[in-house]
N, C-alpha and C. Protein backbone atom coordinates (compact mmCIF):
# COMPACT_ATOMS: atom_id res chain seq x y z
N MET A 1 0.84 -1.18 0.00
CA MET A 1 0.00 0.00 0.00
C MET A 1 0.88 1.25 0.00
N SER A 2 0.43 2.24 -0.73
CA SER A 2 1.19 3.48 -0.76
C SER A 2 0.86 4.32 0.46
N THR A 3 1.70 5.28 0.72
CA THR A 3 1.47 6.14 1.89
C THR A 3 0.23 7.01 1.69
N GLU A 4 -0.09 7.32 0.43
CA GLU A 4 -1.27 8.15 0.17
C GLU A 4 -2.56 7.42 0.53
N SER A 5 -2.69 6.12 0.17
CA SER A 5 -3.91 5.39 0.48
C SER A 5 -4.04 5.14 1.98
N LYS A 6 -2.92 4.94 2.67
CA LYS A 6 -2.99 4.81 4.13
C LYS A 6 -3.47 6.11 4.74
N SER A 7 -3.02 7.20 4.17
CA SER A 7 -3.43 8.49 4.66
C SER A 7 -4.95 8.67 4.50
N LEU A 8 -5.48 8.25 3.35
CA LEU A 8 -6.93 8.36 3.12
C LEU A 8 -7.71 7.47 4.08
N ILE A 9 -7.22 6.27 4.30
CA ILE A 9 -7.89 5.36 5.23
C ILE A 9 -7.88 5.94 6.64
N GLN A 10 -6.76 6.47 7.03
CA GLN A 10 -6.66 7.09 8.36
C GLN A 10 -7.58 8.30 8.46
N GLN A 11 -7.66 9.08 7.39
CA GLN A 11 -8.56 10.23 7.39
C GLN A 11 -10.01 9.78 7.55
N ALA A 12 -10.38 8.70 6.88
CA ALA A 12 -11.74 8.18 7.01
C ALA A 12 -12.00 7.70 8.42
N ARG A 13 -11.01 7.02 9.02
CA ARG A 13 -11.18 6.54 10.40
C ARG A 13 -11.34 7.71 11.38
N ASP A 14 -10.70 8.81 11.09
CA ASP A 14 -10.83 9.99 11.95
C ASP A 14 -12.14 10.73 11.69
N PHE A 15 -12.60 10.68 10.44
CA PHE A 15 -13.76 11.48 10.04
C PHE A 15 -15.06 10.96 10.64
N PHE A 16 -15.32 9.65 10.55
CA PHE A 16 -16.62 9.13 10.96
C PHE A 16 -16.93 9.29 12.45
N PRO A 17 -15.97 9.11 13.36
CA PRO A 17 -16.29 9.43 14.76
C PRO A 17 -16.63 10.90 14.98
N GLN A 18 -15.98 11.78 14.21
CA GLN A 18 -16.30 13.20 14.31
C GLN A 18 -17.73 13.48 13.84
N VAL A 19 -18.15 12.79 12.78
CA VAL A 19 -19.52 12.95 12.29
C VAL A 19 -20.50 12.50 13.36
N ARG A 20 -20.24 11.36 13.97
CA ARG A 20 -21.12 10.85 15.03
C ARG A 20 -21.20 11.85 16.19
N GLN A 21 -20.07 12.41 16.55
CA GLN A 21 -20.02 13.37 17.65
C GLN A 21 -20.83 14.63 17.31
N GLU A 22 -20.72 15.12 16.08
CA GLU A 22 -21.47 16.30 15.67
C GLU A 22 -22.96 16.00 15.58
N ALA A 23 -23.33 14.80 15.13
CA ALA A 23 -24.75 14.44 15.02
C ALA A 23 -25.42 14.43 16.40
N LYS A 24 -24.66 14.11 17.43
CA LYS A 24 -25.23 14.12 18.79
C LYS A 24 -25.55 15.53 19.26
N LYS A 25 -24.91 16.54 18.67
CA LYS A 25 -25.13 17.93 19.06
C LYS A 25 -26.37 18.54 18.40
N VAL A 26 -26.94 17.85 17.41
CA VAL A 26 -28.07 18.38 16.65
C VAL A 26 -29.31 18.40 17.53
N THR A 27 -30.04 19.49 17.46
CA THR A 27 -31.33 19.58 18.15
C THR A 27 -32.41 19.18 17.15
N TRP A 28 -32.96 18.00 17.32
CA TRP A 28 -33.94 17.49 16.37
C TRP A 28 -35.31 18.07 16.71
N PRO A 29 -36.14 18.35 15.67
CA PRO A 29 -37.48 18.90 15.93
C PRO A 29 -38.38 17.84 16.57
N SER A 30 -39.38 18.33 17.28
CA SER A 30 -40.34 17.40 17.88
C SER A 30 -41.24 16.82 16.78
N TRP A 31 -41.99 15.78 17.14
CA TRP A 31 -42.89 15.15 16.18
C TRP A 31 -43.95 16.14 15.70
N ASN A 32 -44.46 16.98 16.60
CA ASN A 32 -45.48 17.96 16.21
C ASN A 32 -44.90 19.00 15.25
N GLU A 33 -43.68 19.46 15.52
CA GLU A 33 -43.03 20.41 14.61
C GLU A 33 -42.81 19.79 13.23
N THR A 34 -42.43 18.53 13.22
CA THR A 34 -42.20 17.83 11.95
C THR A 34 -43.50 17.71 11.16
N LYS A 35 -44.59 17.33 11.84
CA LYS A 35 -45.89 17.22 11.15
C LYS A 35 -46.33 18.57 10.62
N LEU A 36 -46.17 19.62 11.42
CA LEU A 36 -46.60 20.95 11.03
C LEU A 36 -45.83 21.46 9.81
N THR A 37 -44.52 21.34 9.85
CA THR A 37 -43.73 21.83 8.72
C THR A 37 -43.94 20.98 7.47
N THR A 38 -44.13 19.68 7.62
CA THR A 38 -44.42 18.82 6.46
C THR A 38 -45.75 19.20 5.83
N THR A 39 -46.76 19.44 6.66
CA THR A 39 -48.06 19.87 6.15
C THR A 39 -47.94 21.20 5.42
N PHE A 40 -47.20 22.13 5.99
CA PHE A 40 -47.00 23.43 5.36
C PHE A 40 -46.32 23.28 4.00
N VAL A 41 -45.33 22.43 3.91
CA VAL A 41 -44.62 22.23 2.64
C VAL A 41 -45.56 21.66 1.59
N PHE A 42 -46.39 20.68 1.96
CA PHE A 42 -47.34 20.11 0.99
C PHE A 42 -48.37 21.14 0.54
N ILE A 43 -48.89 21.92 1.48
CA ILE A 43 -49.86 22.96 1.12
C ILE A 43 -49.22 23.99 0.20
N PHE A 44 -48.02 24.42 0.52
CA PHE A 44 -47.32 25.39 -0.32
C PHE A 44 -47.06 24.82 -1.71
N ALA A 45 -46.70 23.54 -1.79
CA ALA A 45 -46.45 22.91 -3.09
C ALA A 45 -47.71 22.88 -3.93
N VAL A 46 -48.86 22.59 -3.32
CA VAL A 46 -50.13 22.57 -4.06
C VAL A 46 -50.49 23.98 -4.53
N VAL A 47 -50.34 24.96 -3.66
CA VAL A 47 -50.63 26.35 -4.04
C VAL A 47 -49.71 26.79 -5.18
N ALA A 48 -48.44 26.47 -5.08
CA ALA A 48 -47.50 26.84 -6.14
C ALA A 48 -47.85 26.14 -7.45
N ALA A 49 -48.24 24.87 -7.39
CA ALA A 49 -48.60 24.13 -8.60
C ALA A 49 -49.82 24.76 -9.27
N ILE A 50 -50.82 25.14 -8.47
CA ILE A 50 -52.02 25.78 -9.02
C ILE A 50 -51.64 27.13 -9.65
N TYR A 51 -50.83 27.91 -8.95
CA TYR A 51 -50.41 29.22 -9.46
C TYR A 51 -49.70 29.07 -10.80
N PHE A 52 -48.73 28.17 -10.87
CA PHE A 52 -47.98 28.01 -12.10
C PHE A 52 -48.82 27.41 -13.23
N ALA A 53 -49.80 26.58 -12.89
CA ALA A 53 -50.70 26.04 -13.92
C ALA A 53 -51.55 27.17 -14.52
N VAL A 54 -52.03 28.08 -13.68
CA VAL A 54 -52.83 29.21 -14.16
C VAL A 54 -51.96 30.14 -15.01
N VAL A 55 -50.78 30.48 -14.53
CA VAL A 55 -49.88 31.35 -15.28
C VAL A 55 -49.50 30.71 -16.61
N ASP A 56 -49.22 29.42 -16.60
CA ASP A 56 -48.86 28.71 -17.83
C ASP A 56 -50.02 28.72 -18.82
N SER A 57 -51.23 28.50 -18.32
CA SER A 57 -52.41 28.50 -19.19
C SER A 57 -52.62 29.87 -19.83
N ILE A 58 -52.47 30.92 -19.03
CA ILE A 58 -52.62 32.29 -19.55
C ILE A 58 -51.54 32.58 -20.59
N ALA A 59 -50.31 32.22 -20.29
CA ALA A 59 -49.21 32.46 -21.23
C ALA A 59 -49.43 31.68 -22.52
N TYR A 60 -49.89 30.43 -22.42
CA TYR A 60 -50.16 29.60 -23.59
C TYR A 60 -51.22 30.25 -24.48
N ARG A 61 -52.31 30.72 -23.86
CA ARG A 61 -53.38 31.36 -24.63
C ARG A 61 -52.90 32.67 -25.28
N CYS A 62 -52.10 33.44 -24.55
CA CYS A 62 -51.59 34.70 -25.10
C CYS A 62 -50.67 34.44 -26.30
N VAL A 63 -49.79 33.49 -26.19
CA VAL A 63 -48.89 33.17 -27.29
C VAL A 63 -49.68 32.67 -28.49
N ASN A 64 -50.64 31.80 -28.26
CA ASN A 64 -51.45 31.30 -29.37
C ASN A 64 -52.24 32.42 -30.02
N PHE A 65 -52.74 33.36 -29.24
CA PHE A 65 -53.47 34.51 -29.80
C PHE A 65 -52.53 35.37 -30.66
N LEU A 66 -51.32 35.59 -30.15
CA LEU A 66 -50.37 36.44 -30.86
C LEU A 66 -49.89 35.82 -32.16
N ILE A 67 -49.74 34.52 -32.21
CA ILE A 67 -49.25 33.90 -33.45
C ILE A 67 -50.39 33.40 -34.33
N GLY A 68 -51.62 33.54 -33.86
CA GLY A 68 -52.79 33.27 -34.67
C GLY A 68 -53.24 31.82 -34.76
N ILE A 69 -52.89 31.01 -33.79
CA ILE A 69 -53.35 29.62 -33.79
C ILE A 69 -54.65 29.54 -33.02
N ALA A 70 -55.67 28.98 -33.66
CA ALA A 70 -56.96 28.85 -32.98
C ALA A 70 -56.86 27.72 -31.97
N GLY A 71 -57.32 27.96 -30.74
CA GLY A 71 -57.19 26.97 -29.71
C GLY A 71 -58.40 26.34 -29.32
């Protein structure tokens, strides 16, 4: 084995315990916070999808009107 690959292996051995140590410091959200934010994200995604569908439909009709294609 070359000294470079040993160095990489040693770096990996040092890295993963540090990751575990940092993960223990994380403040995880409560179950209620998780449900609330997930619900908000889904509602926002639906609202955004409706908004973009309406804007796309209007843009499609405007372009078709401008270039003279009957829709």
